[in-house]
Amino acid sequence: MEGLYTAISDEYPIFRKHSFLTRVIISAIPFMACIPTVTYGGIYAVQWLDTFAISPSVLLVVFFEVITVSWLYG
């Protein structure tokens, strides 16, 4: 997470003034996003993410790879 903080603080110098708060926010966002997966209904959240987040994104990445390779090699 230090790399992410460094990139953000290099791009936006105002975050250097509030470094502790920025680091707390950078750590809190993934923490809050992961809380649903550790509750009693967590398996349903993981299955939902597996169905609707992983498959379409992999398909989209492969689609763009095919376009890039076919464009580069003709």
PDB file of N, CA and C in Angstrom:
ATOM      1  N   MET A   1       0.806  -1.181   0.000  1.00  0.00           N
ATOM      2  CA  MET A   1       0.000   0.000   0.000  1.00  0.00           C
ATOM      3  C   MET A   1       0.860   1.262   0.000  1.00  0.00           C
ATOM      4  N   GLU A   2       2.103   1.091   0.377  1.00  0.00           N
ATOM      5  CA  GLU A   2       3.002   2.238   0.377  1.00  0.00           C
ATOM      6  C   GLU A   2       3.230   2.741  -1.048  1.00  0.00           C
ATOM      7  N   GLY A   3       3.285   1.825  -2.006  1.00  0.00           N
ATOM      8  CA  GLY A   3       3.442   2.230  -3.398  1.00  0.00           C
ATOM      9  C   GLY A   3       2.245   3.032  -3.894  1.00  0.00           C
ATOM     10  N   LEU A   4       1.060   2.623  -3.499  1.00  0.00           N
ATOM     11  CA  LEU A   4      -0.138   3.364  -3.862  1.00  0.00           C
ATOM     12  C   LEU A   4      -0.138   4.743  -3.219  1.00  0.00           C
ATOM     13  N   TYR A   5       0.241   4.802  -1.946  1.00  0.00           N
ATOM     14  CA  TYR A   5       0.311   6.104  -1.279  1.00  0.00           C
ATOM     15  C   TYR A   5       1.338   7.013  -1.950  1.00  0.00           C
ATOM     16  N   THR A   6       2.484   6.467  -2.303  1.00  0.00           N
ATOM     17  CA  THR A   6       3.528   7.265  -2.945  1.00  0.00           C
ATOM     18  C   THR A   6       3.044   7.816  -4.284  1.00  0.00           C
ATOM     19  N   ALA A   7       2.357   6.975  -5.059  1.00  0.00           N
ATOM     20  CA  ALA A   7       1.849   7.437  -6.350  1.00  0.00           C
ATOM     21  C   ALA A   7       0.817   8.542  -6.174  1.00  0.00           C
ATOM     22  N   ILE A   8      -0.081   8.378  -5.216  1.00  0.00           N
ATOM     23  CA  ILE A   8      -1.110   9.391  -4.987  1.00  0.00           C
ATOM     24  C   ILE A   8      -0.491  10.681  -4.465  1.00  0.00           C
ATOM     25  N   SER A   9       0.430  10.571  -3.517  1.00  0.00           N
ATOM     26  CA  SER A   9       1.023  11.789  -2.954  1.00  0.00           C
ATOM     27  C   SER A   9       1.944  12.498  -3.949  1.00  0.00           C
ATOM     28  N   ASP A  10       2.549  11.764  -4.886  1.00  0.00           N
ATOM     29  CA  ASP A  10       3.343  12.413  -5.919  1.00  0.00           C
ATOM     30  C   ASP A  10       2.451  13.178  -6.904  1.00  0.00           C
ATOM     31  N   GLU A  11       1.306  12.613  -7.201  1.00  0.00           N
ATOM     32  CA  GLU A  11       0.405  13.255  -8.154  1.00  0.00           C
ATOM     33  C   GLU A  11      -0.348  14.432  -7.530  1.00  0.00           C
ATOM     34  N   TYR A  12      -0.758  14.266  -6.290  1.00  0.00           N
ATOM     35  CA  TYR A  12      -1.524  15.298  -5.588  1.00  0.00           C
ATOM     36  C   TYR A  12      -0.795  15.668  -4.293  1.00  0.00           C
ATOM     37  N   PRO A  13      -0.008  16.731  -4.295  1.00  0.00           N
ATOM     38  CA  PRO A  13       0.813  17.082  -3.126  1.00  0.00           C
ATOM     39  C   PRO A  13       0.016  17.394  -1.857  1.00  0.00           C
ATOM     40  N   ILE A  14      -1.260  17.686  -1.975  1.00  0.00           N
ATOM     41  CA  ILE A  14      -2.046  17.992  -0.775  1.00  0.00           C
ATOM     42  C   ILE A  14      -2.148  16.770   0.149  1.00  0.00           C
ATOM     43  N   PHE A  15      -2.039  15.579  -0.419  1.00  0.00           N
ATOM     44  CA  PHE A  15      -2.117  14.374   0.399  1.00  0.00           C
ATOM     45  C   PHE A  15      -0.855  14.171   1.240  1.00  0.00           C
ATOM     46  N   ARG A  16       0.246  14.815   0.875  1.00  0.00           N
ATOM     47  CA  ARG A  16       1.466  14.733   1.689  1.00  0.00           C
ATOM     48  C   ARG A  16       1.286  15.452   3.020  1.00  0.00           C
ATOM     49  N   LYS A  17       0.486  16.521   3.019  1.00  0.00           N
ATOM     50  CA  LYS A  17       0.260  17.262   4.258  1.00  0.00           C
ATOM     51  C   LYS A  17      -0.521  16.439   5.272  1.00  0.00           C
ATOM     52  N   HIS A  18      -1.417  15.596   4.778  1.00  0.00           N
ATOM     53  CA  HIS A  18      -2.255  14.759   5.630  1.00  0.00           C
ATOM     54  C   HIS A  18      -1.907  13.292   5.394  1.00  0.00           C
ATOM     55  N   SER A  19      -0.661  12.943   5.585  1.00  0.00           N
ATOM     56  CA  SER A  19      -0.211  11.602   5.229  1.00  0.00           C
ATOM     57  C   SER A  19      -0.861  10.522   6.086  1.00  0.00           C
ATOM     58  N   PHE A  20      -1.034  10.773   7.377  1.00  0.00           N
ATOM     59  CA  PHE A  20      -1.646   9.756   8.230  1.00  0.00           C
ATOM     60  C   PHE A  20      -3.086   9.479   7.803  1.00  0.00           C
ATOM     61  N   LEU A  21      -3.840  10.531   7.562  1.00  0.00           N
ATOM     62  CA  LEU A  21      -5.233  10.375   7.151  1.00  0.00           C
ATOM     63  C   LEU A  21      -5.326   9.680   5.792  1.00  0.00           C
ATOM     64  N   THR A  22      -4.443  10.037   4.886  1.00  0.00           N
ATOM     65  CA  THR A  22      -4.443   9.402   3.569  1.00  0.00           C
ATOM     66  C   THR A  22      -4.137   7.918   3.680  1.00  0.00           C
ATOM     67  N   ARG A  23      -3.177   7.567   4.505  1.00  0.00           N
ATOM     68  CA  ARG A  23      -2.843   6.145   4.677  1.00  0.00           C
ATOM     69  C   ARG A  23      -3.965   5.378   5.357  1.00  0.00           C
ATOM     70  N   VAL A  24      -4.658   6.014   6.282  1.00  0.00           N
ATOM     71  CA  VAL A  24      -5.804   5.367   6.932  1.00  0.00           C
ATOM     72  C   VAL A  24      -6.904   5.106   5.904  1.00  0.00           C
ATOM     73  N   ILE A  25      -7.166   6.083   5.050  1.00  0.00           N
ATOM     74  CA  ILE A  25      -8.205   5.906   4.035  1.00  0.00           C
ATOM     75  C   ILE A  25      -7.810   4.829   3.029  1.00  0.00           C
ATOM     76  N   ILE A  26      -6.540   4.825   2.609  1.00  0.00           N
ATOM     77  CA  ILE A  26      -6.071   3.810   1.668  1.00  0.00           C
ATOM     78  C   ILE A  26      -6.177   2.413   2.281  1.00  0.00           C
ATOM     79  N   SER A  27      -5.991   2.291   3.576  1.00  0.00           N
ATOM     80  CA  SER A  27      -6.121   0.996   4.239  1.00  0.00           C
ATOM     81  C   SER A  27      -7.571   0.646   4.530  1.00  0.00           C
ATOM     82  N   ALA A  28      -8.403   1.644   4.795  1.00  0.00           N
ATOM     83  CA  ALA A  28      -9.787   1.384   5.182  1.00  0.00           C
ATOM     84  C   ALA A  28     -10.661   0.964   4.013  1.00  0.00           C
ATOM     85  N   ILE A  29     -10.380   1.465   2.826  1.00  0.00           N
ATOM     86  CA  ILE A  29     -11.230   1.138   1.675  1.00  0.00           C
ATOM     87  C   ILE A  29     -11.203  -0.363   1.363  1.00  0.00           C
ATOM     88  N   PRO A  30     -10.041  -1.014   1.219  1.00  0.00           N
ATOM     89  CA  PRO A  30     -10.066  -2.465   0.994  1.00  0.00           C
ATOM     90  C   PRO A  30     -10.624  -3.239   2.187  1.00  0.00           C
ATOM     91  N   PHE A  31     -10.372  -2.743   3.399  1.00  0.00           N
ATOM     92  CA  PHE A  31     -10.910  -3.405   4.586  1.00  0.00           C
ATOM     93  C   PHE A  31     -12.429  -3.407   4.557  1.00  0.00           C
ATOM     94  N   MET A  32     -13.027  -2.254   4.261  1.00  0.00           N
ATOM     95  CA  MET A  32     -14.487  -2.167   4.219  1.00  0.00           C
ATOM     96  C   MET A  32     -15.052  -2.983   3.053  1.00  0.00           C
ATOM     97  N   ALA A  33     -14.313  -3.059   1.957  1.00  0.00           N
ATOM     98  CA  ALA A  33     -14.787  -3.834   0.812  1.00  0.00           C
ATOM     99  C   ALA A  33     -14.753  -5.329   1.086  1.00  0.00           C
ATOM    100  N   CYS A  34     -13.887  -5.774   1.994  1.00  0.00           N
ATOM    101  CA  CYS A  34     -13.757  -7.202   2.278  1.00  0.00           C
ATOM    102  C   CYS A  34     -14.661  -7.681   3.413  1.00  0.00           C
ATOM    103  N   ILE A  35     -15.227  -6.784   4.172  1.00  0.00           N
ATOM    104  CA  ILE A  35     -16.067  -7.191   5.298  1.00  0.00           C
ATOM    105  C   ILE A  35     -17.231  -8.090   4.884  1.00  0.00           C
ATOM    106  N   PRO A  36     -17.932  -7.831   3.775  1.00  0.00           N
ATOM    107  CA  PRO A  36     -19.038  -8.730   3.421  1.00  0.00           C
ATOM    108  C   PRO A  36     -18.621 -10.183   3.191  1.00  0.00           C
ATOM    109  N   THR A  37     -17.375 -10.423   2.845  1.00  0.00           N
ATOM    110  CA  THR A  37     -16.951 -11.797   2.575  1.00  0.00           C
ATOM    111  C   THR A  37     -16.673 -12.591   3.844  1.00  0.00           C
ATOM    112  N   VAL A  38     -16.580 -11.950   4.997  1.00  0.00           N
ATOM    113  CA  VAL A  38     -16.304 -12.675   6.235  1.00  0.00           C
ATOM    114  C   VAL A  38     -17.527 -12.780   7.143  1.00  0.00           C
ATOM    115  N   THR A  39     -18.697 -12.369   6.665  1.00  0.00           N
ATOM    116  CA  THR A  39     -19.922 -12.503   7.448  1.00  0.00           C
ATOM    117  C   THR A  39     -20.527 -13.877   7.187  1.00  0.00           C
ATOM    118  N   TYR A  40     -21.685 -14.138   7.793  1.00  0.00           N
ATOM    119  CA  TYR A  40     -22.344 -15.426   7.586  1.00  0.00           C
ATOM    120  C   TYR A  40     -22.786 -15.624   6.138  1.00  0.00           C
ATOM    121  N   GLY A  41     -23.112 -14.562   5.477  1.00  0.00           N
ATOM    122  CA  GLY A  41     -23.494 -14.654   4.073  1.00  0.00           C
ATOM    123  C   GLY A  41     -22.317 -14.459   3.137  1.00  0.00           C
ATOM    124  N   GLY A  42     -21.124 -14.589   3.649  1.00  0.00           N
ATOM    125  CA  GLY A  42     -19.921 -14.335   2.860  1.00  0.00           C
ATOM    126  C   GLY A  42     -19.760 -15.229   1.652  1.00  0.00           C
ATOM    127  N   ILE A  43     -20.192 -16.487   1.778  1.00  0.00           N
ATOM    128  CA  ILE A  43     -20.048 -17.395   0.640  1.00  0.00           C
ATOM    129  C   ILE A  43     -20.900 -16.928  -0.526  1.00  0.00           C
ATOM    130  N   TYR A  44     -22.052 -16.334  -0.228  1.00  0.00           N
ATOM    131  CA  TYR A  44     -22.904 -15.815  -1.285  1.00  0.00           C
ATOM    132  C   TYR A  44     -22.272 -14.587  -1.944  1.00  0.00           C
ATOM    133  N   ALA A  45     -21.625 -13.766  -1.136  1.00  0.00           N
ATOM    134  CA  ALA A  45     -20.927 -12.598  -1.693  1.00  0.00           C
ATOM    135  C   ALA A  45     -19.773 -13.036  -2.586  1.00  0.00           C
ATOM    136  N   VAL A  46     -19.039 -14.053  -2.148  1.00  0.00           N
ATOM    137  CA  VAL A  46     -17.917 -14.554  -2.952  1.00  0.00           C
ATOM    138  C   VAL A  46     -18.428 -15.181  -4.242  1.00  0.00           C
ATOM    139  N   GLN A  47     -19.516 -15.948  -4.157  1.00  0.00           N
ATOM    140  CA  GLN A  47     -20.084 -16.548  -5.367  1.00  0.00           C
ATOM    141  C   GLN A  47     -20.613 -15.480  -6.318  1.00  0.00           C
ATOM    142  N   TRP A  48     -21.214 -14.436  -5.766  1.00  0.00           N
ATOM    143  CA  TRP A  48     -21.718 -13.337  -6.597  1.00  0.00           C
ATOM    144  C   TRP A  48     -20.561 -12.645  -7.309  1.00  0.00           C
ATOM    145  N   LEU A  49     -19.483 -12.378  -6.564  1.00  0.00           N
ATOM    146  CA  LEU A  49     -18.304 -11.758  -7.165  1.00  0.00           C
ATOM    147  C   LEU A  49     -17.686 -12.658  -8.226  1.00  0.00           C
ATOM    148  N   ASP A  50     -17.669 -13.954  -7.947  1.00  0.00           N
ATOM    149  CA  ASP A  50     -17.106 -14.905  -8.904  1.00  0.00           C
ATOM    150  C   ASP A  50     -17.926 -14.929 -10.187  1.00  0.00           C
ATOM    151  N   THR A  51     -19.232 -14.839 -10.059  1.00  0.00           N
ATOM    152  CA  THR A  51     -20.097 -14.905 -11.230  1.00  0.00           C
ATOM    153  C   THR A  51     -20.092 -13.609 -12.023  1.00  0.00           C
ATOM    154  N   PHE A  52     -20.237 -12.489 -11.334  1.00  0.00           N
ATOM    155  CA  PHE A  52     -20.474 -11.236 -12.040  1.00  0.00           C
ATOM    156  C   PHE A  52     -19.255 -10.333 -12.136  1.00  0.00           C
ATOM    157  N   ALA A  53     -18.183 -10.620 -11.442  1.00  0.00           N
ATOM    158  CA  ALA A  53     -17.016  -9.745 -11.503  1.00  0.00           C
ATOM    159  C   ALA A  53     -15.849 -10.390 -12.231  1.00  0.00           C
ATOM    160  N   ILE A  54     -15.577 -11.635 -11.939  1.00  0.00           N
ATOM    161  CA  ILE A  54     -14.392 -12.283 -12.498  1.00  0.00           C
ATOM    162  C   ILE A  54     -14.583 -12.655 -13.960  1.00  0.00           C
ATOM    163  N   SER A  55     -15.630 -13.376 -14.271  1.00  0.00           N
ATOM    164  CA  SER A  55     -15.813 -13.884 -15.628  1.00  0.00           C
ATOM    165  C   SER A  55     -15.907 -12.780 -16.677  1.00  0.00           C
ATOM    166  N   PRO A  56     -16.755 -11.770 -16.491  1.00  0.00           N
ATOM    167  CA  PRO A  56     -16.804 -10.721 -17.523  1.00  0.00           C
ATOM    168  C   PRO A  56     -15.500  -9.944 -17.660  1.00  0.00           C
ATOM    169  N   SER A  57     -14.805  -9.709 -16.551  1.00  0.00           N
ATOM    170  CA  SER A  57     -13.558  -8.952 -16.665  1.00  0.00           C
ATOM    171  C   SER A  57     -12.481  -9.759 -17.372  1.00  0.00           C
ATOM    172  N   VAL A  58     -12.417 -11.048 -17.117  1.00  0.00           N
ATOM    173  CA  VAL A  58     -11.443 -11.889 -17.827  1.00  0.00           C
ATOM    174  C   VAL A  58     -11.784 -11.931 -19.308  1.00  0.00           C
ATOM    175  N   LEU A  59     -13.067 -12.041 -19.615  1.00  0.00           N
ATOM    176  CA  LEU A  59     -13.493 -12.046 -21.010  1.00  0.00           C
ATOM    177  C   LEU A  59     -13.135 -10.731 -21.696  1.00  0.00           C
ATOM    178  N   LEU A  60     -13.305  -9.629 -21.009  1.00  0.00           N
ATOM    179  CA  LEU A  60     -12.975  -8.325 -21.566  1.00  0.00           C
ATOM    180  C   LEU A  60     -11.466  -8.180 -21.796  1.00  0.00           C
ATOM    181  N   VAL A  61     -10.663  -8.635 -20.855  1.00  0.00           N
ATOM    182  CA  VAL A  61      -9.206  -8.564 -21.005  1.00  0.00           C
ATOM    183  C   VAL A  61      -8.741  -9.422 -22.176  1.00  0.00           C
ATOM    184  N   VAL A  62      -9.273 -10.623 -22.297  1.00  0.00           N
ATOM    185  CA  VAL A  62      -8.896 -11.503 -23.411  1.00  0.00           C
ATOM    186  C   VAL A  62      -9.334 -10.893 -24.740  1.00  0.00           C
ATOM    187  N   PHE A  63     -10.496 -10.279 -24.758  1.00  0.00           N
ATOM    188  CA  PHE A  63     -10.977  -9.624 -25.975  1.00  0.00           C
ATOM    189  C   PHE A  63     -10.012  -8.526 -26.419  1.00  0.00           C
ATOM    190  N   PHE A  64      -9.575  -7.697 -25.484  1.00  0.00           N
ATOM    191  CA  PHE A  64      -8.632  -6.631 -25.834  1.00  0.00           C
ATOM    192  C   PHE A  64      -7.261  -7.181 -26.203  1.00  0.00           C
ATOM    193  N   GLU A  65      -6.856  -8.286 -25.611  1.00  0.00           N
ATOM    194  CA  GLU A  65      -5.588  -8.910 -25.999  1.00  0.00           C
ATOM    195  C   GLU A  65      -5.645  -9.408 -27.435  1.00  0.00           C
ATOM    196  N   VAL A  66      -6.756 -10.008 -27.804  1.00  0.00           N
ATOM    197  CA  VAL A  66      -6.909 -10.508 -29.172  1.00  0.00           C
ATOM    198  C   VAL A  66      -6.880  -9.346 -30.159  1.00  0.00           C
ATOM    199  N   ILE A  67      -7.563  -8.275 -29.830  1.00  0.00           N
ATOM    200  CA  ILE A  67      -7.556  -7.104 -30.711  1.00  0.00           C
ATOM    201  C   ILE A  67      -6.144  -6.534 -30.832  1.00  0.00           C
ATOM    202  N   THR A  68      -5.424  -6.441 -29.720  1.00  0.00           N
ATOM    203  CA  THR A  68      -4.068  -5.894 -29.741  1.00  0.00           C
ATOM    204  C   THR A  68      -3.125  -6.766 -30.555  1.00  0.00           C
ATOM    205  N   VAL A  69      -3.180  -8.066 -30.334  1.00  0.00           N
ATOM    206  CA  VAL A  69      -2.286  -8.972 -31.073  1.00  0.00           C
ATOM    207  C   VAL A  69      -2.609  -8.946 -32.557  1.00  0.00           C
ATOM    208  N   SER A  70      -3.892  -8.978 -32.902  1.00  0.00           N
ATOM    209  CA  SER A  70      -4.248  -8.962 -34.322  1.00  0.00           C
ATOM    210  C   SER A  70      -3.900  -7.621 -34.974  1.00  0.00           C
ATOM    211  N   TRP A  71      -3.964  -6.526 -34.207  1.00  0.00           N
ATOM    212  CA  TRP A  71      -3.594  -5.220 -34.752  1.00  0.00           C
ATOM    213  C   TRP A  71      -2.081  -5.103 -34.942  1.00  0.00           C
ATOM    214  N   LEU A  72      -1.310  -5.651 -33.967  1.00  0.00           N
ATOM    215  CA  LEU A  72       0.142  -5.558 -34.074  1.00  0.00           C
ATOM    216  C   LEU A  72       0.713  -6.460 -35.151  1.00  0.00           C
ATOM    217  N   TYR A  73       0.189  -7.686 -35.275  1.00  0.00           N
ATOM    218  CA  TYR A  73       0.752  -8.629 -36.208  1.00  0.00           C
ATOM    219  C   TYR A  73       0.000  -8.690 -37.532  1.00  0.00           C
ATOM    220  N   GLY A  74      -1.087  -7.993 -37.622  1.00  0.00           N
ATOM    221  CA  GLY A  74      -1.840  -7.949 -38.883  1.00  0.00           C
ATOM    222  C   GLY A  74      -2.650  -9.148 -39.009  1.00  0.00           C
TER     223      GLY A  74
END
